[in-house]
C-alpha atoms as a PDB file:
ATOM      1  CA  UNK A   1       0.000   0.000   0.000  1.00  0.00           C
ATOM      2  CA  UNK A   2       1.382   3.408  -0.969  1.00  0.00           C
ATOM      3  CA  UNK A   3       2.003   5.858   1.854  1.00  0.00           C
ATOM      4  CA  UNK A   4       0.041   9.108   1.502  1.00  0.00           C
ATOM      5  CA  UNK A   5       2.107  12.203   0.908  1.00  0.00           C
ATOM      6  CA  UNK A   6       2.220  14.842   3.609  1.00  0.00           C
ATOM      7  CA  UNK A   7      -0.421  17.559   3.271  1.00  0.00           C
ATOM      8  CA  UNK A   8       2.020  20.078   4.760  1.00  0.00           C
ATOM      9  CA  UNK A   9       3.518  22.422   2.178  1.00  0.00           C
ATOM     10  CA  UNK A  10       6.945  24.005   2.527  1.00  0.00           C
ATOM     11  CA  UNK A  11       6.601  27.300   4.392  1.00  0.00           C
ATOM     12  CA  UNK A  12       7.073  30.245   2.047  1.00  0.00           C
ATOM     13  CA  UNK A  13       6.559  34.015   2.079  1.00  0.00           C
ATOM     14  CA  UNK A  14       2.936  33.620   0.984  1.00  0.00           C
ATOM     15  CA  UNK A  15       2.232  31.436   4.044  1.00  0.00           C
ATOM     16  CA  UNK A  16       4.007  33.902   6.329  1.00  0.00           C
ATOM     17  CA  UNK A  17       1.997  36.804   4.867  1.00  0.00           C
ATOM     18  CA  UNK A  18      -1.252  34.865   5.298  1.00  0.00           C
ATOM     19  CA  UNK A  19      -0.397  34.058   8.932  1.00  0.00           C
ATOM     20  CA  UNK A  20       0.441  37.704   9.640  1.00  0.00           C
ATOM     21  CA  UNK A  21      -2.869  38.785   8.100  1.00  0.00           C
ATOM     22  CA  UNK A  22      -4.730  36.407  10.435  1.00  0.00           C
ATOM     23  CA  UNK A  23      -2.838  37.788  13.447  1.00  0.00           C
ATOM     24  CA  UNK A  24      -3.575  41.382  12.439  1.00  0.00           C
ATOM     25  CA  UNK A  25      -7.281  40.753  11.759  1.00  0.00           C
ATOM     26  CA  UNK A  26      -8.414  38.630  14.697  1.00  0.00           C
ATOM     27  CA  UNK A  27      -9.915  40.137  17.814  1.00  0.00           C
ATOM     28  CA  UNK A  28     -11.062  36.917  19.494  1.00  0.00           C
ATOM     29  CA  UNK A  29      -9.840  33.356  19.586  1.00  0.00           C
ATOM     30  CA  UNK A  30     -10.215  30.021  21.322  1.00  0.00           C
ATOM     31  CA  UNK A  31      -7.767  29.466  24.171  1.00  0.00           C
ATOM     32  CA  UNK A  32      -7.204  25.814  25.051  1.00  0.00           C
ATOM     33  CA  UNK A  33      -5.763  24.872  28.436  1.00  0.00           C
ATOM     34  CA  UNK A  34      -5.474  21.648  30.416  1.00  0.00           C
ATOM     35  CA  UNK A  35      -8.003  21.460  33.226  1.00  0.00           C
ATOM     36  CA  UNK A  36      -6.149  20.959  36.494  1.00  0.00           C
ATOM     37  CA  UNK A  37      -8.739  18.705  38.154  1.00  0.00           C
ATOM     38  CA  UNK A  38      -9.194  16.189  35.321  1.00  0.00           C
ATOM     39  CA  UNK A  39      -6.314  16.660  32.880  1.00  0.00           C
ATOM     40  CA  UNK A  40      -8.885  17.146  30.119  1.00  0.00           C
ATOM     41  CA  UNK A  41      -8.503  19.861  27.491  1.00  0.00           C
ATOM     42  CA  UNK A  42     -10.690  22.937  27.917  1.00  0.00           C
ATOM     43  CA  UNK A  43     -11.292  25.651  25.316  1.00  0.00           C
ATOM     44  CA  UNK A  44     -12.783  29.077  25.873  1.00  0.00           C
ATOM     45  CA  UNK A  45     -13.181  32.263  23.846  1.00  0.00           C
ATOM     46  CA  UNK A  46     -10.964  35.206  24.796  1.00  0.00           C
ATOM     47  CA  UNK A  47     -10.181  38.638  23.400  1.00  0.00           C
ATOM     48  CA  UNK A  48      -6.809  38.655  21.639  1.00  0.00           C
ATOM     49  CA  UNK A  49      -4.367  41.519  21.798  1.00  0.00           C
ATOM     50  CA  UNK A  50      -1.711  41.676  19.115  1.00  0.00           C
ATOM     51  CA  UNK A  51       0.944  44.063  17.871  1.00  0.00           C
ATOM     52  CA  UNK A  52       3.807  43.080  15.553  1.00  0.00           C
ATOM     53  CA  UNK A  53       6.441  44.335  18.017  1.00  0.00           C
ATOM     54  CA  UNK A  54       4.720  42.901  21.090  1.00  0.00           C
ATOM     55  CA  UNK A  55       3.215  39.621  19.886  1.00  0.00           C
ATOM     56  CA  UNK A  56       0.036  37.994  21.190  1.00  0.00           C
ATOM     57  CA  UNK A  57      -1.466  38.605  24.592  1.00  0.00           C
ATOM     58  CA  UNK A  58      -4.701  38.353  26.520  1.00  0.00           C
ATOM     59  CA  UNK A  59      -6.259  40.100  29.496  1.00  0.00           C
ATOM     60  CA  UNK A  60      -7.544  37.319  31.725  1.00  0.00           C
ATOM     61  CA  UNK A  61      -9.397  37.166  35.014  1.00  0.00           C
ATOM     62  CA  UNK A  62      -7.744  35.250  37.832  1.00  0.00           C
ATOM     63  CA  UNK A  63     -11.228  33.938  38.671  1.00  0.00           C
ATOM     64  CA  UNK A  64     -11.656  32.201  35.288  1.00  0.00           C
ATOM     65  CA  UNK A  65     -11.086  28.458  35.066  1.00  0.00           C
ATOM     66  CA  UNK A  66      -8.817  28.845  32.021  1.00  0.00           C
ATOM     67  CA  UNK A  67      -6.540  31.203  33.979  1.00  0.00           C
ATOM     68  CA  UNK A  68      -6.352  28.794  36.897  1.00  0.00           C
ATOM     69  CA  UNK A  69      -5.528  26.032  34.409  1.00  0.00           C
ATOM     70  CA  UNK A  70      -2.717  27.916  32.684  1.00  0.00           C
ATOM     71  CA  UNK A  71      -1.213  28.953  35.994  1.00  0.00           C
ATOM     72  CA  UNK A  72      -0.811  25.247  36.791  1.00  0.00           C
ATOM     73  CA  UNK A  73       0.325  24.348  33.251  1.00  0.00           C
ATOM     74  CA  UNK A  74       1.486  27.246  31.079  1.00  0.00           C
ATOM     75  CA  UNK A  75       1.269  25.229  27.837  1.00  0.00           C
ATOM     76  CA  UNK A  76      -1.668  26.526  25.809  1.00  0.00           C
ATOM     77  CA  UNK A  77      -3.038  26.460  22.312  1.00  0.00           C
ATOM     78  CA  UNK A  78      -4.843  29.297  20.561  1.00  0.00           C
ATOM     79  CA  UNK A  79      -7.088  28.941  17.518  1.00  0.00           C
ATOM     80  CA  UNK A  80      -7.400  32.157  15.551  1.00  0.00           C
ATOM     81  CA  UNK A  81      -9.552  32.416  12.456  1.00  0.00           C
ATOM     82  CA  UNK A  82     -10.726  34.942   9.950  1.00  0.00           C
ATOM     83  CA  UNK A  83     -14.267  35.115   8.625  1.00  0.00           C
ATOM     84  CA  UNK A  84     -14.962  34.194   5.012  1.00  0.00           C
ATOM     85  CA  UNK A  85     -16.778  36.944   3.114  1.00  0.00           C
ATOM     86  CA  UNK A  86     -18.519  34.368   0.975  1.00  0.00           C
ATOM     87  CA  UNK A  87     -18.357  30.723   0.071  1.00  0.00           C
ATOM     88  CA  UNK A  88     -17.241  27.895   2.304  1.00  0.00           C
ATOM     89  CA  UNK A  89     -16.092  29.177   5.729  1.00  0.00           C
ATOM     90  CA  UNK A  90     -13.656  26.250   5.912  1.00  0.00           C
ATOM     91  CA  UNK A  91     -11.639  27.955   3.168  1.00  0.00           C
ATOM     92  CA  UNK A  92     -10.951  30.979   5.387  1.00  0.00           C
ATOM     93  CA  UNK A  93      -7.437  31.052   6.863  1.00  0.00           C
ATOM     94  CA  UNK A  94      -7.010  29.862  10.435  1.00  0.00           C
ATOM     95  CA  UNK A  95      -3.976  29.665  12.632  1.00  0.00           C
ATOM     96  CA  UNK A  96      -3.386  27.274  15.525  1.00  0.00           C
ATOM     97  CA  UNK A  97      -0.637  28.384  17.867  1.00  0.00           C
ATOM     98  CA  UNK A  98       1.158  26.374  20.514  1.00  0.00           C
ATOM     99  CA  UNK A  99       2.557  28.661  23.189  1.00  0.00           C
ATOM    100  CA  UNK A 100       3.519  29.156  26.800  1.00  0.00           C
ATOM    101  CA  UNK A 101       1.462  31.670  28.757  1.00  0.00           C
ATOM    102  CA  UNK A 102       3.435  34.140  30.829  1.00  0.00           C
ATOM    103  CA  UNK A 103       1.846  36.528  33.343  1.00  0.00           C
ATOM    104  CA  UNK A 104       2.846  40.186  33.077  1.00  0.00           C
ATOM    105  CA  UNK A 105       3.068  41.867  36.476  1.00  0.00           C
ATOM    106  CA  UNK A 106       1.275  45.150  37.166  1.00  0.00           C
ATOM    107  CA  UNK A 107       3.148  48.423  37.491  1.00  0.00           C
ATOM    108  CA  UNK A 108       5.803  47.382  34.989  1.00  0.00           C
ATOM    109  CA  UNK A 109       6.613  49.088  31.692  1.00  0.00           C
ATOM    110  CA  UNK A 110       5.569  45.870  29.915  1.00  0.00           C
ATOM    111  CA  UNK A 111       2.133  45.969  31.584  1.00  0.00           C
ATOM    112  CA  UNK A 112       1.667  49.623  30.651  1.00  0.00           C
ATOM    113  CA  UNK A 113       2.544  48.932  27.007  1.00  0.00           C
ATOM    114  CA  UNK A 114       0.104  46.027  26.797  1.00  0.00           C
ATOM    115  CA  UNK A 115      -2.608  48.064  28.547  1.00  0.00           C
ATOM    116  CA  UNK A 116      -2.282  50.855  25.969  1.00  0.00           C
ATOM    117  CA  UNK A 117      -2.347  48.400  23.060  1.00  0.00           C
ATOM    118  CA  UNK A 118      -5.336  46.556  24.527  1.00  0.00           C
ATOM    119  CA  UNK A 119      -7.323  49.741  25.051  1.00  0.00           C
ATOM    120  CA  UNK A 120      -6.571  50.850  21.497  1.00  0.00           C
ATOM    121  CA  UNK A 121      -7.954  47.539  20.210  1.00  0.00           C
ATOM    122  CA  UNK A 122     -10.826  47.248  22.736  1.00  0.00           C
ATOM    123  CA  UNK A 123     -11.832  50.776  23.845  1.00  0.00           C
ATOM    124  CA  UNK A 124     -14.741  49.488  25.964  1.00  0.00           C
ATOM    125  CA  UNK A 125     -12.207  47.626  28.127  1.00  0.00           C
ATOM    126  CA  UNK A 126     -11.592  50.931  29.933  1.00  0.00           C
ATOM    127  CA  UNK A 127     -14.576  49.881  32.082  1.00  0.00           C
ATOM    128  CA  UNK A 128     -12.609  46.974  33.623  1.00  0.00           C
ATOM    129  CA  UNK A 129      -8.959  47.528  32.714  1.00  0.00           C
ATOM    130  CA  UNK A 130      -8.042  48.347  36.325  1.00  0.00           C
ATOM    131  CA  UNK A 131      -9.792  45.400  38.005  1.00  0.00           C
ATOM    132  CA  UNK A 132      -7.297  43.772  40.360  1.00  0.00           C
ATOM    133  CA  UNK A 133      -8.399  40.218  39.524  1.00  0.00           C
ATOM    134  CA  UNK A 134      -7.284  40.652  35.885  1.00  0.00           C
ATOM    135  CA  UNK A 135      -3.789  40.387  34.457  1.00  0.00           C
ATOM    136  CA  UNK A 136      -2.136  40.425  31.070  1.00  0.00           C
ATOM    137  CA  UNK A 137      -0.683  37.173  29.799  1.00  0.00           C
ATOM    138  CA  UNK A 138       1.741  36.978  26.917  1.00  0.00           C
ATOM    139  CA  UNK A 139       1.634  33.939  24.678  1.00  0.00           C
ATOM    140  CA  UNK A 140       5.239  33.037  23.845  1.00  0.00           C
ATOM    141  CA  UNK A 141       5.037  31.029  20.642  1.00  0.00           C
ATOM    142  CA  UNK A 142       6.607  27.611  20.199  1.00  0.00           C
ATOM    143  CA  UNK A 143       5.035  26.496  16.907  1.00  0.00           C
ATOM    144  CA  UNK A 144       2.095  27.265  14.633  1.00  0.00           C
ATOM    145  CA  UNK A 145      -0.075  25.469  12.119  1.00  0.00           C
ATOM    146  CA  UNK A 146      -1.639  27.517   9.336  1.00  0.00           C
ATOM    147  CA  UNK A 147      -4.593  26.211   7.376  1.00  0.00           C
ATOM    148  CA  UNK A 148      -5.119  28.615   4.515  1.00  0.00           C
ATOM    149  CA  UNK A 149      -8.012  26.681   3.016  1.00  0.00           C
ATOM    150  CA  UNK A 150      -8.207  23.485   0.995  1.00  0.00           C
ATOM    151  CA  UNK A 151      -4.718  22.140   0.261  1.00  0.00           C
ATOM    152  CA  UNK A 152      -2.916  25.020   1.987  1.00  0.00           C
ATOM    153  CA  UNK A 153      -1.445  23.608   5.215  1.00  0.00           C
ATOM    154  CA  UNK A 154       1.814  24.897   6.685  1.00  0.00           C
ATOM    155  CA  UNK A 155       3.860  24.548   9.857  1.00  0.00           C
ATOM    156  CA  UNK A 156       5.390  27.823  11.001  1.00  0.00           C
ATOM    157  CA  UNK A 157       8.101  28.630  13.502  1.00  0.00           C
ATOM    158  CA  UNK A 158       8.205  31.589  15.873  1.00  0.00           C
ATOM    159  CA  UNK A 159      10.695  33.196  13.455  1.00  0.00           C
ATOM    160  CA  UNK A 160       8.150  32.856  10.615  1.00  0.00           C
ATOM    161  CA  UNK A 161       5.749  34.878  12.743  1.00  0.00           C
ATOM    162  CA  UNK A 162       8.330  37.412  13.871  1.00  0.00           C
ATOM    163  CA  UNK A 163       8.302  36.130  17.442  1.00  0.00           C
END
């Protein structure tokens, strides 16, 4: 029996550009963590902050189960997708990122930078941006999978994404 060929294409500039366009366009994504009590995967929708010089980050409540999970196991996955204007939504680009979550402490220059970027992206967040049970988490990338639509699968490195 003949072995199937890999569906993964060599990563090229077109794939990198497509991945960057997904990162720039998304405002929300699915964050997957490992539930501490059961070891089962858990996914939840979060707001995504992104800037080319700062990377990906989220503003998460310490009270949320996903935050408790990632504090026990910092390995996370994020699914980011764009919306198809027309046609089959499965042909819209989507990016799955494997990362380590890292808490950003308050009253640091890093926190202040992320706060300003987050408020620029989500102006209504000014209503809760100072809540003490929230913190910024950076997502330090390890690897990414890009699905650009039918027959367009790529594996990307942090360098491909400028991380």
